[in-house]
């Protein structure tokens, strides 16, 4: 009797997605925190206004927007992390039932 698993990806792919999601969440949260503190290491990655419009407030707004984007992306990675954990648990249950 075959046991059907509502699978989106295989057992090895779910582990790979799990590891990638954990790394993505950690990396994006750290980047978001660094951007919130206006880390100069990210200045080349930001979309800056034209040079005649440079002032501290607009530069701070650009950093805050990039930080918010990192936190939103980390939230999306959390959703994929939960999906990967669910897939892995389903495969573990199926392996247990087969034994």
PDB file of N, CA and C in Angstrom:
ATOM      1  N   UNK A   1       0.844  -1.176   0.000  1.00  0.00           N
ATOM      2  CA  UNK A   1       0.000   0.000   0.000  1.00  0.00           C
ATOM      3  C   UNK A   1       0.891   1.242   0.000  1.00  0.00           C
ATOM      4  N   UNK A   2       0.710   2.087  -0.974  1.00  0.00           N
ATOM      5  CA  UNK A   2       1.519   3.292  -1.096  1.00  0.00           C
ATOM      6  C   UNK A   2       0.964   4.392  -0.205  1.00  0.00           C
ATOM      7  N   UNK A   3       1.859   5.091   0.426  1.00  0.00           N
ATOM      8  CA  UNK A   3       1.466   6.205   1.282  1.00  0.00           C
ATOM      9  C   UNK A   3       1.719   7.485   0.498  1.00  0.00           C
ATOM     10  N   UNK A   4       0.680   8.261   0.306  1.00  0.00           N
ATOM     11  CA  UNK A   4       0.808   9.504  -0.443  1.00  0.00           C
ATOM     12  C   UNK A   4       1.133  10.656   0.499  1.00  0.00           C
ATOM     13  N   UNK A   5       2.121  11.416   0.128  1.00  0.00           N
ATOM     14  CA  UNK A   5       2.535  12.577   0.916  1.00  0.00           C
ATOM     15  C   UNK A   5       2.229  13.815   0.086  1.00  0.00           C
ATOM     16  N   UNK A   6       1.584  14.800   0.688  1.00  0.00           N
ATOM     17  CA  UNK A   6       1.352  16.028  -0.074  1.00  0.00           C
ATOM     18  C   UNK A   6       2.682  16.762  -0.244  1.00  0.00           C
ATOM     19  N   UNK A   7       3.469  16.313  -1.194  1.00  0.00           N
ATOM     20  CA  UNK A   7       4.814  16.840  -1.328  1.00  0.00           C
ATOM     21  C   UNK A   7       4.932  17.939  -2.358  1.00  0.00           C
ATOM     22  N   UNK A   8       5.687  18.915  -2.010  1.00  0.00           N
ATOM     23  CA  UNK A   8       6.027  19.979  -2.940  1.00  0.00           C
ATOM     24  C   UNK A   8       7.439  19.743  -3.445  1.00  0.00           C
ATOM     25  N   UNK A   9       8.282  19.254  -2.573  1.00  0.00           N
ATOM     26  CA  UNK A   9       9.647  18.914  -2.948  1.00  0.00           C
ATOM     27  C   UNK A   9      10.035  17.621  -2.226  1.00  0.00           C
ATOM     28  N   UNK A  10      11.116  17.024  -2.667  1.00  0.00           N
ATOM     29  CA  UNK A  10      11.559  15.766  -2.095  1.00  0.00           C
ATOM     30  C   UNK A  10      12.201  15.946  -0.732  1.00  0.00           C
ATOM     31  N   UNK A  11      12.577  14.835  -0.088  1.00  0.00           N
ATOM     32  CA  UNK A  11      13.147  14.934   1.261  1.00  0.00           C
ATOM     33  C   UNK A  11      14.497  15.646   1.289  1.00  0.00           C
ATOM     34  N   UNK A  12      15.329  15.407   0.297  1.00  0.00           N
ATOM     35  CA  UNK A  12      16.640  16.080   0.278  1.00  0.00           C
ATOM     36  C   UNK A  12      16.502  17.552  -0.081  1.00  0.00           C
ATOM     37  N   UNK A  13      15.596  17.847  -0.987  1.00  0.00           N
ATOM     38  CA  UNK A  13      15.368  19.244  -1.358  1.00  0.00           C
ATOM     39  C   UNK A  13      14.777  20.029  -0.188  1.00  0.00           C
ATOM     40  N   UNK A  14      13.939  19.368   0.610  1.00  0.00           N
ATOM     41  CA  UNK A  14      13.365  20.080   1.759  1.00  0.00           C
ATOM     42  C   UNK A  14      14.441  20.409   2.787  1.00  0.00           C
ATOM     43  N   UNK A  15      15.409  19.531   2.963  1.00  0.00           N
ATOM     44  CA  UNK A  15      16.521  19.826   3.885  1.00  0.00           C
ATOM     45  C   UNK A  15      17.376  20.958   3.331  1.00  0.00           C
ATOM     46  N   UNK A  16      17.625  20.940   2.032  1.00  0.00           N
ATOM     47  CA  UNK A  16      18.404  22.007   1.406  1.00  0.00           C
ATOM     48  C   UNK A  16      17.688  23.352   1.558  1.00  0.00           C
ATOM     49  N   UNK A  17      16.381  23.366   1.315  1.00  0.00           N
ATOM     50  CA  UNK A  17      15.607  24.598   1.471  1.00  0.00           C
ATOM     51  C   UNK A  17      15.572  25.047   2.931  1.00  0.00           C
ATOM     52  N   UNK A  18      15.539  24.100   3.846  1.00  0.00           N
ATOM     53  CA  UNK A  18      15.542  24.418   5.273  1.00  0.00           C
ATOM     54  C   UNK A  18      16.830  25.133   5.658  1.00  0.00           C
ATOM     55  N   UNK A  19      17.959  24.582   5.231  1.00  0.00           N
ATOM     56  CA  UNK A  19      19.258  25.184   5.562  1.00  0.00           C
ATOM     57  C   UNK A  19      19.399  26.555   4.904  1.00  0.00           C
ATOM     58  N   UNK A  20      18.992  26.649   3.639  1.00  0.00           N
ATOM     59  CA  UNK A  20      19.079  27.928   2.939  1.00  0.00           C
ATOM     60  C   UNK A  20      18.175  28.973   3.587  1.00  0.00           C
ATOM     61  N   UNK A  21      17.011  28.568   4.027  1.00  0.00           N
ATOM     62  CA  UNK A  21      16.086  29.508   4.663  1.00  0.00           C
ATOM     63  C   UNK A  21      16.624  30.008   5.998  1.00  0.00           C
ATOM     64  N   UNK A  22      17.210  29.116   6.773  1.00  0.00           N
ATOM     65  CA  UNK A  22      17.791  29.542   8.059  1.00  0.00           C
ATOM     66  C   UNK A  22      18.891  30.563   7.811  1.00  0.00           C
ATOM     67  N   UNK A  23      19.772  30.255   6.842  1.00  0.00           N
ATOM     68  CA  UNK A  23      20.859  31.183   6.537  1.00  0.00           C
ATOM     69  C   UNK A  23      20.300  32.514   6.032  1.00  0.00           C
ATOM     70  N   UNK A  24      19.281  32.469   5.176  1.00  0.00           N
ATOM     71  CA  UNK A  24      18.699  33.699   4.651  1.00  0.00           C
ATOM     72  C   UNK A  24      18.085  34.561   5.731  1.00  0.00           C
ATOM     73  N   UNK A  25      17.399  33.944   6.673  1.00  0.00           N
ATOM     74  CA  UNK A  25      16.777  34.702   7.768  1.00  0.00           C
ATOM     75  C   UNK A  25      17.857  35.382   8.611  1.00  0.00           C
ATOM     76  N   UNK A  26      18.876  34.632   8.982  1.00  0.00           N
ATOM     77  CA  UNK A  26      19.946  35.205   9.820  1.00  0.00           C
ATOM     78  C   UNK A  26      20.652  36.339   9.077  1.00  0.00           C
ATOM     79  N   UNK A  27      21.029  36.096   7.824  1.00  0.00           N
ATOM     80  CA  UNK A  27      21.761  37.101   7.055  1.00  0.00           C
ATOM     81  C   UNK A  27      20.934  38.370   6.865  1.00  0.00           C
ATOM     82  N   UNK A  28      19.660  38.218   6.508  1.00  0.00           N
ATOM     83  CA  UNK A  28      18.843  39.396   6.247  1.00  0.00           C
ATOM     84  C   UNK A  28      18.527  40.179   7.518  1.00  0.00           C
ATOM     85  N   UNK A  29      18.379  39.500   8.636  1.00  0.00           N
ATOM     86  CA  UNK A  29      18.158  40.228   9.892  1.00  0.00           C
ATOM     87  C   UNK A  29      19.408  41.011  10.289  1.00  0.00           C
ATOM     88  N   UNK A  30      20.572  40.397  10.135  1.00  0.00           N
ATOM     89  CA  UNK A  30      21.819  41.109  10.448  1.00  0.00           C
ATOM     90  C   UNK A  30      22.004  42.306   9.503  1.00  0.00           C
ATOM     91  N   UNK A  31      21.716  42.104   8.211  1.00  0.00           N
ATOM     92  CA  UNK A  31      21.819  43.219   7.264  1.00  0.00           C
ATOM     93  C   UNK A  31      20.829  44.330   7.602  1.00  0.00           C
ATOM     94  N   UNK A  32      19.606  43.942   7.979  1.00  0.00           N
ATOM     95  CA  UNK A  32      18.611  44.945   8.342  1.00  0.00           C
ATOM     96  C   UNK A  32      19.026  45.756   9.554  1.00  0.00           C
ATOM     97  N   UNK A  33      19.614  45.093  10.527  1.00  0.00           N
ATOM     98  CA  UNK A  33      20.093  45.810  11.722  1.00  0.00           C
ATOM     99  C   UNK A  33      21.238  46.751  11.359  1.00  0.00           C
ATOM    100  N   UNK A  34      22.175  46.258  10.552  1.00  0.00           N
ATOM    101  CA  UNK A  34      23.295  47.112  10.136  1.00  0.00           C
ATOM    102  C   UNK A  34      22.806  48.318   9.340  1.00  0.00           C
ATOM    103  N   UNK A  35      21.860  48.092   8.452  1.00  0.00           N
ATOM    104  CA  UNK A  35      21.321  49.213   7.674  1.00  0.00           C
ATOM    105  C   UNK A  35      20.562  50.191   8.564  1.00  0.00           C
ATOM    106  N   UNK A  36      19.900  49.700   9.595  1.00  0.00           N
ATOM    107  CA  UNK A  36      19.168  50.581  10.504  1.00  0.00           C
ATOM    108  C   UNK A  36      20.133  51.515  11.236  1.00  0.00           C
ATOM    109  N   UNK A  37      21.389  51.037  11.434  1.00  0.00           N
ATOM    110  CA  UNK A  37      22.404  51.870  12.096  1.00  0.00           C
ATOM    111  C   UNK A  37      23.274  52.604  11.095  1.00  0.00           C
ATOM    112  N   UNK A  38      22.814  52.702   9.837  1.00  0.00           N
ATOM    113  CA  UNK A  38      23.497  53.454   8.776  1.00  0.00           C
ATOM    114  C   UNK A  38      24.940  52.994   8.548  1.00  0.00           C
ATOM    115  N   UNK A  39      25.144  51.703   8.389  1.00  0.00           N
ATOM    116  CA  UNK A  39      26.477  51.163   8.145  1.00  0.00           C
ATOM    117  C   UNK A  39      26.972  51.614   6.776  1.00  0.00           C
ATOM    118  N   UNK A  40      28.158  52.190   6.754  1.00  0.00           N
ATOM    119  CA  UNK A  40      28.715  52.702   5.504  1.00  0.00           C
ATOM    120  C   UNK A  40      29.093  51.595   4.530  1.00  0.00           C
ATOM    121  N   UNK A  41      29.215  50.385   4.988  1.00  0.00           N
ATOM    122  CA  UNK A  41      29.577  49.284   4.096  1.00  0.00           C
ATOM    123  C   UNK A  41      28.514  49.061   3.022  1.00  0.00           C
ATOM    124  N   UNK A  42      27.292  49.497   3.249  1.00  0.00           N
ATOM    125  CA  UNK A  42      26.200  49.279   2.305  1.00  0.00           C
ATOM    126  C   UNK A  42      25.914  50.485   1.419  1.00  0.00           C
ATOM    127  N   UNK A  43      26.703  51.529   1.505  1.00  0.00           N
ATOM    128  CA  UNK A  43      26.409  52.764   0.775  1.00  0.00           C
ATOM    129  C   UNK A  43      26.387  52.534  -0.736  1.00  0.00           C
ATOM    130  N   UNK A  44      27.227  51.618  -1.242  1.00  0.00           N
ATOM    131  CA  UNK A  44      27.270  51.366  -2.682  1.00  0.00           C
ATOM    132  C   UNK A  44      26.052  50.575  -3.160  1.00  0.00           C
ATOM    133  N   UNK A  45      25.369  49.898  -2.261  1.00  0.00           N
ATOM    134  CA  UNK A  45      24.221  49.080  -2.624  1.00  0.00           C
ATOM    135  C   UNK A  45      22.896  49.826  -2.544  1.00  0.00           C
ATOM    136  N   UNK A  46      22.913  51.042  -2.083  1.00  0.00           N
ATOM    137  CA  UNK A  46      21.687  51.808  -1.905  1.00  0.00           C
ATOM    138  C   UNK A  46      21.375  52.640  -3.142  1.00  0.00           C
ATOM    139  N   UNK A  47      20.102  52.887  -3.353  1.00  0.00           N
ATOM    140  CA  UNK A  47      19.670  53.781  -4.425  1.00  0.00           C
ATOM    141  C   UNK A  47      19.646  55.186  -3.851  1.00  0.00           C
ATOM    142  N   UNK A  48      20.670  55.944  -4.170  1.00  0.00           N
ATOM    143  CA  UNK A  48      20.824  57.276  -3.587  1.00  0.00           C
ATOM    144  C   UNK A  48      20.181  58.329  -4.481  1.00  0.00           C
ATOM    145  N   UNK A  49      19.729  59.429  -3.867  1.00  0.00           N
ATOM    146  CA  UNK A  49      19.179  60.525  -4.669  1.00  0.00           C
ATOM    147  C   UNK A  49      20.310  61.224  -5.430  1.00  0.00           C
ATOM    148  N   UNK A  50      19.968  62.093  -6.362  1.00  0.00           N
ATOM    149  CA  UNK A  50      21.016  62.841  -7.079  1.00  0.00           C
ATOM    150  C   UNK A  50      21.880  63.639  -6.097  1.00  0.00           C
ATOM    151  N   UNK A  51      23.148  63.853  -6.450  1.00  0.00           N
ATOM    152  CA  UNK A  51      24.070  64.521  -5.506  1.00  0.00           C
ATOM    153  C   UNK A  51      23.600  65.892  -5.020  1.00  0.00           C
ATOM    154  N   UNK A  52      22.837  66.615  -5.819  1.00  0.00           N
ATOM    155  CA  UNK A  52      22.391  67.940  -5.363  1.00  0.00           C
ATOM    156  C   UNK A  52      21.317  67.840  -4.277  1.00  0.00           C
ATOM    157  N   UNK A  53      20.728  66.655  -4.112  1.00  0.00           N
ATOM    158  CA  UNK A  53      19.689  66.471  -3.092  1.00  0.00           C
ATOM    159  C   UNK A  53      20.203  65.759  -1.837  1.00  0.00           C
ATOM    160  N   UNK A  54      21.502  65.622  -1.702  1.00  0.00           N
ATOM    161  CA  UNK A  54      22.042  64.947  -0.514  1.00  0.00           C
ATOM    162  C   UNK A  54      21.821  65.793   0.720  1.00  0.00           C
ATOM    163  N   UNK A  55      21.218  65.218   1.708  1.00  0.00           N
ATOM    164  CA  UNK A  55      21.171  65.800   3.043  1.00  0.00           C
ATOM    165  C   UNK A  55      21.008  64.630   4.007  1.00  0.00           C
ATOM    166  N   UNK A  56      21.273  64.822   5.272  1.00  0.00           N
ATOM    167  CA  UNK A  56      21.240  63.708   6.223  1.00  0.00           C
ATOM    168  C   UNK A  56      19.880  63.023   6.319  1.00  0.00           C
ATOM    169  N   UNK A  57      18.792  63.800   6.178  1.00  0.00           N
ATOM    170  CA  UNK A  57      17.470  63.181   6.318  1.00  0.00           C
ATOM    171  C   UNK A  57      17.156  62.225   5.174  1.00  0.00           C
ATOM    172  N   UNK A  58      17.448  62.643   3.934  1.00  0.00           N
ATOM    173  CA  UNK A  58      17.144  61.751   2.808  1.00  0.00           C
ATOM    174  C   UNK A  58      18.045  60.523   2.830  1.00  0.00           C
ATOM    175  N   UNK A  59      19.279  60.698   3.225  1.00  0.00           N
ATOM    176  CA  UNK A  59      20.182  59.551   3.316  1.00  0.00           C
ATOM    177  C   UNK A  59      19.701  58.579   4.388  1.00  0.00           C
ATOM    178  N   UNK A  60      19.221  59.104   5.506  1.00  0.00           N
ATOM    179  CA  UNK A  60      18.680  58.252   6.566  1.00  0.00           C
ATOM    180  C   UNK A  60      17.418  57.529   6.084  1.00  0.00           C
ATOM    181  N   UNK A  61      16.571  58.215   5.330  1.00  0.00           N
ATOM    182  CA  UNK A  61      15.363  57.576   4.794  1.00  0.00           C
ATOM    183  C   UNK A  61      15.710  56.428   3.853  1.00  0.00           C
ATOM    184  N   UNK A  62      16.753  56.594   3.057  1.00  0.00           N
ATOM    185  CA  UNK A  62      17.181  55.527   2.147  1.00  0.00           C
ATOM    186  C   UNK A  62      17.657  54.322   2.943  1.00  0.00           C
ATOM    187  N   UNK A  63      18.426  54.560   3.989  1.00  0.00           N
ATOM    188  CA  UNK A  63      18.886  53.458   4.848  1.00  0.00           C
ATOM    189  C   UNK A  63      17.709  52.753   5.528  1.00  0.00           C
ATOM    190  N   UNK A  64      16.743  53.513   6.025  1.00  0.00           N
ATOM    191  CA  UNK A  64      15.588  52.922   6.711  1.00  0.00           C
ATOM    192  C   UNK A  64      14.762  52.093   5.727  1.00  0.00           C
ATOM    193  N   UNK A  65      14.594  52.579   4.492  1.00  0.00           N
ATOM    194  CA  UNK A  65      13.828  51.829   3.499  1.00  0.00           C
ATOM    195  C   UNK A  65      14.534  50.511   3.153  1.00  0.00           C
ATOM    196  N   UNK A  66      15.851  50.560   2.996  1.00  0.00           N
ATOM    197  CA  UNK A  66      16.604  49.332   2.709  1.00  0.00           C
ATOM    198  C   UNK A  66      16.534  48.367   3.889  1.00  0.00           C
ATOM    199  N   UNK A  67      16.576  48.891   5.099  1.00  0.00           N
ATOM    200  CA  UNK A  67      16.460  48.050   6.293  1.00  0.00           C
ATOM    201  C   UNK A  67      15.094  47.390   6.364  1.00  0.00           C
ATOM    202  N   UNK A  68      14.056  48.147   6.076  1.00  0.00           N
ATOM    203  CA  UNK A  68      12.702  47.594   6.070  1.00  0.00           C
ATOM    204  C   UNK A  68      12.564  46.503   5.015  1.00  0.00           C
ATOM    205  N   UNK A  69      13.156  46.723   3.848  1.00  0.00           N
ATOM    206  CA  UNK A  69      13.120  45.710   2.795  1.00  0.00           C
ATOM    207  C   UNK A  69      13.804  44.419   3.240  1.00  0.00           C
ATOM    208  N   UNK A  70      14.901  44.539   3.979  1.00  0.00           N
ATOM    209  CA  UNK A  70      15.595  43.350   4.485  1.00  0.00           C
ATOM    210  C   UNK A  70      14.715  42.592   5.481  1.00  0.00           C
ATOM    211  N   UNK A  71      14.027  43.309   6.339  1.00  0.00           N
ATOM    212  CA  UNK A  71      13.161  42.645   7.315  1.00  0.00           C
ATOM    213  C   UNK A  71      11.967  41.972   6.637  1.00  0.00           C
ATOM    214  N   UNK A  72      11.429  42.594   5.587  1.00  0.00           N
ATOM    215  CA  UNK A  72      10.326  41.979   4.839  1.00  0.00           C
ATOM    216  C   UNK A  72      10.816  40.708   4.154  1.00  0.00           C
ATOM    217  N   UNK A  73      11.990  40.772   3.536  1.00  0.00           N
ATOM    218  CA  UNK A  73      12.546  39.582   2.883  1.00  0.00           C
ATOM    219  C   UNK A  73      12.833  38.482   3.900  1.00  0.00           C
ATOM    220  N   UNK A  74      13.280  38.849   5.098  1.00  0.00           N
ATOM    221  CA  UNK A  74      13.507  37.847   6.144  1.00  0.00           C
ATOM    222  C   UNK A  74      12.188  37.182   6.537  1.00  0.00           C
ATOM    223  N   UNK A  75      11.107  37.946   6.565  1.00  0.00           N
ATOM    224  CA  UNK A  75       9.797  37.370   6.853  1.00  0.00           C
ATOM    225  C   UNK A  75       9.363  36.379   5.789  1.00  0.00           C
ATOM    226  N   UNK A  76       9.656  36.680   4.530  1.00  0.00           N
ATOM    227  CA  UNK A  76       9.342  35.746   3.449  1.00  0.00           C
ATOM    228  C   UNK A  76      10.174  34.478   3.592  1.00  0.00           C
ATOM    229  N   UNK A  77      11.432  34.629   3.959  1.00  0.00           N
ATOM    230  CA  UNK A  77      12.274  33.457   4.189  1.00  0.00           C
ATOM    231  C   UNK A  77      11.743  32.613   5.350  1.00  0.00           C
ATOM    232  N   UNK A  78      11.160  33.246   6.362  1.00  0.00           N
ATOM    233  CA  UNK A  78      10.566  32.493   7.477  1.00  0.00           C
ATOM    234  C   UNK A  78       9.412  31.639   6.968  1.00  0.00           C
ATOM    235  N   UNK A  79       8.616  32.178   6.047  1.00  0.00           N
ATOM    236  CA  UNK A  79       7.525  31.388   5.475  1.00  0.00           C
ATOM    237  C   UNK A  79       8.058  30.156   4.738  1.00  0.00           C
ATOM    238  N   UNK A  80       9.132  30.336   3.971  1.00  0.00           N
ATOM    239  CA  UNK A  80       9.733  29.191   3.286  1.00  0.00           C
ATOM    240  C   UNK A  80      10.382  28.230   4.275  1.00  0.00           C
ATOM    241  N   UNK A  81      10.881  28.750   5.372  1.00  0.00           N
ATOM    242  CA  UNK A  81      11.436  27.895   6.417  1.00  0.00           C
ATOM    243  C   UNK A  81      10.336  27.013   7.000  1.00  0.00           C
ATOM    244  N   UNK A  82       9.188  27.602   7.289  1.00  0.00           N
ATOM    245  CA  UNK A  82       8.072  26.822   7.820  1.00  0.00           C
ATOM    246  C   UNK A  82       7.588  25.779   6.816  1.00  0.00           C
ATOM    247  N   UNK A  83       7.557  26.139   5.547  1.00  0.00           N
ATOM    248  CA  UNK A  83       7.175  25.193   4.508  1.00  0.00           C
ATOM    249  C   UNK A  83       8.162  24.027   4.448  1.00  0.00           C
ATOM    250  N   UNK A  84       9.444  24.318   4.546  1.00  0.00           N
ATOM    251  CA  UNK A  84      10.469  23.273   4.509  1.00  0.00           C
ATOM    252  C   UNK A  84      10.377  22.363   5.732  1.00  0.00           C
ATOM    253  N   UNK A  85      10.133  22.950   6.896  1.00  0.00           N
ATOM    254  CA  UNK A  85       9.989  22.149   8.114  1.00  0.00           C
ATOM    255  C   UNK A  85       8.776  21.239   7.993  1.00  0.00           C
ATOM    256  N   UNK A  86       7.670  21.758   7.469  1.00  0.00           N
ATOM    257  CA  UNK A  86       6.472  20.946   7.283  1.00  0.00           C
ATOM    258  C   UNK A  86       6.739  19.785   6.325  1.00  0.00           C
ATOM    259  N   UNK A  87       7.416  20.064   5.221  1.00  0.00           N
ATOM    260  CA  UNK A  87       7.732  19.011   4.258  1.00  0.00           C
ATOM    261  C   UNK A  87       8.621  17.945   4.893  1.00  0.00           C
ATOM    262  N   UNK A  88       9.611  18.370   5.644  1.00  0.00           N
ATOM    263  CA  UNK A  88      10.527  17.412   6.277  1.00  0.00           C
ATOM    264  C   UNK A  88       9.781  16.551   7.288  1.00  0.00           C
ATOM    265  N   UNK A  89       8.879  17.149   8.056  1.00  0.00           N
ATOM    266  CA  UNK A  89       8.106  16.371   9.038  1.00  0.00           C
ATOM    267  C   UNK A  89       7.197  15.355   8.354  1.00  0.00           C
ATOM    268  N   UNK A  90       6.617  15.739   7.237  1.00  0.00           N
ATOM    269  CA  UNK A  90       5.763  14.807   6.498  1.00  0.00           C
ATOM    270  C   UNK A  90       6.572  13.608   6.006  1.00  0.00           C
ATOM    271  N   UNK A  91       7.768  13.864   5.516  1.00  0.00           N
ATOM    272  CA  UNK A  91       8.604  12.753   5.050  1.00  0.00           C
ATOM    273  C   UNK A  91       9.070  11.886   6.213  1.00  0.00           C
ATOM    274  N   UNK A  92       9.348  12.493   7.356  1.00  0.00           N
ATOM    275  CA  UNK A  92       9.734  11.692   8.532  1.00  0.00           C
ATOM    276  C   UNK A  92       8.570  10.819   8.999  1.00  0.00           C
ATOM    277  N   UNK A  93       7.345  11.351   8.981  1.00  0.00           N
ATOM    278  CA  UNK A  93       6.186  10.555   9.360  1.00  0.00           C
ATOM    279  C   UNK A  93       5.994   9.387   8.389  1.00  0.00           C
ATOM    280  N   UNK A  94       6.171   9.651   7.100  1.00  0.00           N
ATOM    281  CA  UNK A  94       5.995   8.598   6.103  1.00  0.00           C
ATOM    282  C   UNK A  94       7.058   7.503   6.270  1.00  0.00           C
ATOM    283  N   UNK A  95       8.288   7.886   6.553  1.00  0.00           N
ATOM    284  CA  UNK A  95       9.346   6.897   6.775  1.00  0.00           C
ATOM    285  C   UNK A  95       9.062   6.075   8.017  1.00  0.00           C
ATOM    286  N   UNK A  96       8.507   6.700   9.068  1.00  0.00           N
ATOM    287  CA  UNK A  96       8.184   5.985  10.293  1.00  0.00           C
ATOM    288  C   UNK A  96       7.062   4.986  10.037  1.00  0.00           C
ATOM    289  N   UNK A  97       6.056   5.394   9.267  1.00  0.00           N
ATOM    290  CA  UNK A  97       4.939   4.506   8.967  1.00  0.00           C
ATOM    291  C   UNK A  97       5.362   3.313   8.111  1.00  0.00           C
ATOM    292  N   UNK A  98       6.353   3.520   7.271  1.00  0.00           N
ATOM    293  CA  UNK A  98       6.797   2.440   6.385  1.00  0.00           C
ATOM    294  C   UNK A  98       7.617   1.400   7.125  1.00  0.00           C
ATOM    295  N   UNK A  99       8.224   1.784   8.241  1.00  0.00           N
ATOM    296  CA  UNK A  99       9.062   0.844   9.001  1.00  0.00           C
ATOM    297  C   UNK A  99       8.283  -0.007   9.916  1.00  0.00           C
TER     298      UNK A  99
END
